[in-house]
Every structure is written in C-alpha cells, then in structure tokens.
Amino acid sequence: MALCQHMSGLHQNGSVQKCHAPEWVQQETARTERYESGKTIGVDVTPDALETLIPTKNKQALMGYYISVFSLVPVFGLGLGPIAIWRGIRGWNAIKVQPELPGKAHAIVAITLGSITTLAHWGTLILIMYNLRFSGR
C-alpha cells in the first residue's frame, strides 16, 4: 500500500514514491515560473462569466436583446419590436457562421420577446382602431 496519500511518500518496502500534484496546481506552478522568469503568460481563450452575460463579440444579438427589452415600453414597441426581431435573427445567423461566438440566448430572447411585443402592440393598435371605427363615434 502506498503511503503517498499520507504525505510520507514511502512504499511499504521503503522506496520513495513521487506524488503528483493536481493538474491545476501544475498549471499555476508553470504560470508562476514563467512570470518569475520574465516570459509572457498565456491568456486562456475560454469565455469568462462577463462575456457569457454580456456577449460583446456578438453585437447583433446584444443589441437585439436590449432593443427587445425597451420594446416593452408602450408605443415604443410598435417600432422597436420588429427591429429587435431583425437584430436577433442577424445575431443568430452570426452564431450559425461562427459557432464559438457567444450570445445564443440573447438572440433567442430578442427574437421571442420582439415577436411578442410586436404582436401585442400592433394587435392592440388594430383593436383600438377597430373599436374607434365601429363604436359609433
């Protein structure tokens, strides 16, 4: 039985066993050595949490998302709803071309919320016009 787990690093027969550090410890050690030696430190290309929340690399999806939220304001939704749908579709198409691009959820929200607000605002406008026309006024 190896005693490496018990910090002694000795086998039962008295030989020394090498204990390997976890991968993240090895990576941090390598980064520290590169830093101390003056070499450049590589930056990970994985998206961070902020890029996931605000996909600045997919501006169409991001703009569509914000426009769709602002289209919830009464009257503004008449024009902003269709623009949000258009921006959301453009953001979705950008993701199809470059699958690693963030902003898929923002594009879906832009298309969905833009569609809902467009239907609601234009439907309300049509009903108001219909009632004004046939209400006897």
Protein backbone atom coordinates (compact mmCIF):
# COMPACT_ATOMS: atom_id res chain seq x y z
CA MET A 1 0.00 0.00 0.00
CA ALA A 2 1.39 3.35 -0.96
CA LEU A 3 1.65 5.92 1.79
CA CYS A 4 1.84 8.83 -0.61
CA GLN A 5 -1.63 9.90 0.42
CA HIS A 6 -0.41 10.18 3.98
CA MET A 7 2.28 12.68 3.00
CA SER A 8 5.25 10.38 3.69
CA GLY A 9 5.71 9.27 0.09
CA LEU A 10 7.12 5.87 1.13
CA HIS A 11 6.10 2.41 -0.03
CA GLN A 12 5.94 -0.43 2.43
CA ASN A 13 9.28 -1.65 1.09
CA GLY A 14 10.90 1.68 1.95
CA SER A 15 11.20 3.08 -1.59
CA VAL A 16 10.16 6.67 -2.25
CA GLN A 17 7.12 7.27 -4.39
CA LYS A 18 6.64 10.50 -6.34
CA CYS A 19 3.36 12.24 -5.59
CA HIS A 20 1.91 14.23 -8.45
CA ALA A 21 0.08 17.46 -7.82
CA PRO A 22 -3.34 18.04 -9.35
CA GLU A 23 -3.37 19.50 -12.85
CA TRP A 24 -4.49 22.96 -11.72
CA VAL A 25 -1.57 23.13 -9.28
CA GLN A 26 0.85 22.20 -12.06
CA GLN A 27 -0.65 24.88 -14.32
CA GLU A 28 -0.37 27.55 -11.63
CA THR A 29 3.20 26.49 -10.88
CA ALA A 30 4.09 26.75 -14.57
CA ARG A 31 2.50 30.21 -14.78
CA THR A 32 4.40 31.36 -11.71
CA GLU A 33 7.68 30.07 -13.14
CA ARG A 34 7.02 31.81 -16.47
CA TYR A 35 6.19 35.03 -14.65
CA GLU A 36 9.27 34.91 -12.47
CA SER A 37 11.49 34.17 -15.48
CA GLY A 38 10.07 37.16 -17.38
CA LYS A 39 8.34 35.14 -20.10
CA THR A 40 4.90 36.18 -21.28
CA ILE A 41 1.98 34.47 -19.63
CA GLY A 42 -0.59 32.97 -21.97
CA VAL A 43 -4.20 34.04 -21.60
CA ASP A 44 -6.94 31.42 -21.69
CA VAL A 45 -9.35 31.79 -24.59
CA THR A 46 -12.30 30.33 -22.74
CA PRO A 47 -15.08 32.89 -22.29
CA ASP A 48 -15.35 34.33 -18.83
CA ALA A 49 -18.55 34.91 -16.88
CA LEU A 50 -18.89 38.52 -18.01
CA GLU A 51 -18.61 37.57 -21.70
CA THR A 52 -21.34 34.99 -21.14
CA LEU A 53 -23.64 37.55 -19.54
CA ILE A 54 -22.85 40.38 -21.96
CA PRO A 55 -21.75 38.93 -25.32
CA THR A 56 -19.82 41.92 -26.66
CA LYS A 57 -18.42 39.85 -29.54
CA ASN A 58 -21.93 39.32 -30.97
CA LYS A 59 -23.19 42.86 -31.18
CA GLN A 60 -26.28 42.00 -33.23
CA ALA A 61 -27.62 39.60 -30.57
CA LEU A 62 -26.75 42.01 -27.78
CA MET A 63 -28.41 44.97 -29.50
CA GLY A 64 -31.47 42.85 -30.33
CA TYR A 65 -31.73 41.82 -26.68
CA TYR A 66 -31.64 45.38 -25.37
CA ILE A 67 -33.99 46.66 -28.06
CA SER A 68 -36.46 43.86 -27.25
CA VAL A 69 -36.41 44.86 -23.57
CA PHE A 70 -37.03 48.50 -24.49
CA SER A 71 -39.84 47.41 -26.81
CA LEU A 72 -41.84 46.53 -23.68
CA VAL A 73 -42.47 50.27 -23.21
CA PRO A 74 -45.94 51.10 -24.56
CA VAL A 75 -45.99 52.71 -28.01
CA PHE A 76 -42.22 52.22 -28.49
CA GLY A 77 -42.87 48.53 -29.13
CA LEU A 78 -44.55 49.37 -32.43
CA GLY A 79 -41.19 50.15 -33.98
CA LEU A 80 -38.70 48.53 -31.61
CA GLY A 81 -40.32 45.07 -31.69
CA PRO A 82 -39.63 44.42 -35.40
CA ILE A 83 -36.12 45.89 -35.07
CA ALA A 84 -35.44 43.51 -32.17
CA ILE A 85 -36.59 40.56 -34.27
CA TRP A 86 -34.34 41.63 -37.14
CA ARG A 87 -31.31 42.11 -34.85
CA GLY A 88 -31.97 38.79 -33.12
CA ILE A 89 -32.10 36.94 -36.44
CA ARG A 90 -28.85 38.60 -37.54
CA GLY A 91 -27.22 37.60 -34.24
CA TRP A 92 -28.49 34.02 -34.65
CA ASN A 93 -27.11 33.89 -38.21
CA ALA A 94 -23.74 35.13 -36.94
CA ILE A 95 -23.72 32.24 -34.44
CA LYS A 96 -24.50 29.80 -37.26
CA VAL A 97 -21.48 31.09 -39.20
CA GLN A 98 -19.17 31.08 -36.14
CA PRO A 99 -20.45 28.52 -33.59
CA GLU A 100 -17.93 29.61 -30.94
CA LEU A 101 -19.49 33.09 -30.87
CA PRO A 102 -21.41 33.86 -27.64
CA GLY A 103 -24.89 35.34 -27.46
CA LYS A 104 -27.18 32.48 -28.43
CA ALA A 105 -29.55 33.13 -25.51
CA HIS A 106 -29.57 36.86 -26.25
CA ALA A 107 -30.53 36.19 -29.87
CA ILE A 108 -33.33 33.83 -28.82
CA VAL A 109 -34.67 36.35 -26.29
CA ALA A 110 -34.51 39.13 -28.90
CA ILE A 111 -36.48 37.09 -31.44
CA THR A 112 -39.02 35.80 -28.91
CA LEU A 113 -39.60 38.99 -26.91
CA GLY A 114 -39.53 41.10 -30.08
CA SER A 115 -42.21 38.87 -31.62
CA ILE A 116 -44.40 39.01 -28.52
CA THR A 117 -44.17 42.78 -28.17
CA THR A 118 -44.72 43.32 -31.89
CA LEU A 119 -47.85 41.18 -31.88
CA ALA A 120 -49.12 42.76 -28.67
CA HIS A 121 -48.53 46.37 -29.73
CA TRP A 122 -49.78 46.03 -33.29
CA GLY A 123 -52.71 43.88 -32.14
CA THR A 124 -53.68 46.48 -29.57
CA LEU A 125 -53.41 49.25 -32.15
CA ILE A 126 -55.63 47.32 -34.58
CA LEU A 127 -58.22 46.67 -31.87
CA ILE A 128 -58.24 50.35 -30.86
CA MET A 129 -58.67 51.42 -34.49
CA TYR A 130 -61.44 48.84 -34.99
CA ASN A 131 -63.29 49.96 -31.86
CA LEU A 132 -62.97 53.62 -32.81
CA ARG A 133 -64.27 52.87 -36.30
CA PHE A 134 -67.27 50.81 -35.28
CA SER A 135 -68.13 52.20 -31.84
CA GLY A 136 -70.48 54.81 -33.26
CA ARG A 137 -68.31 57.85 -32.82
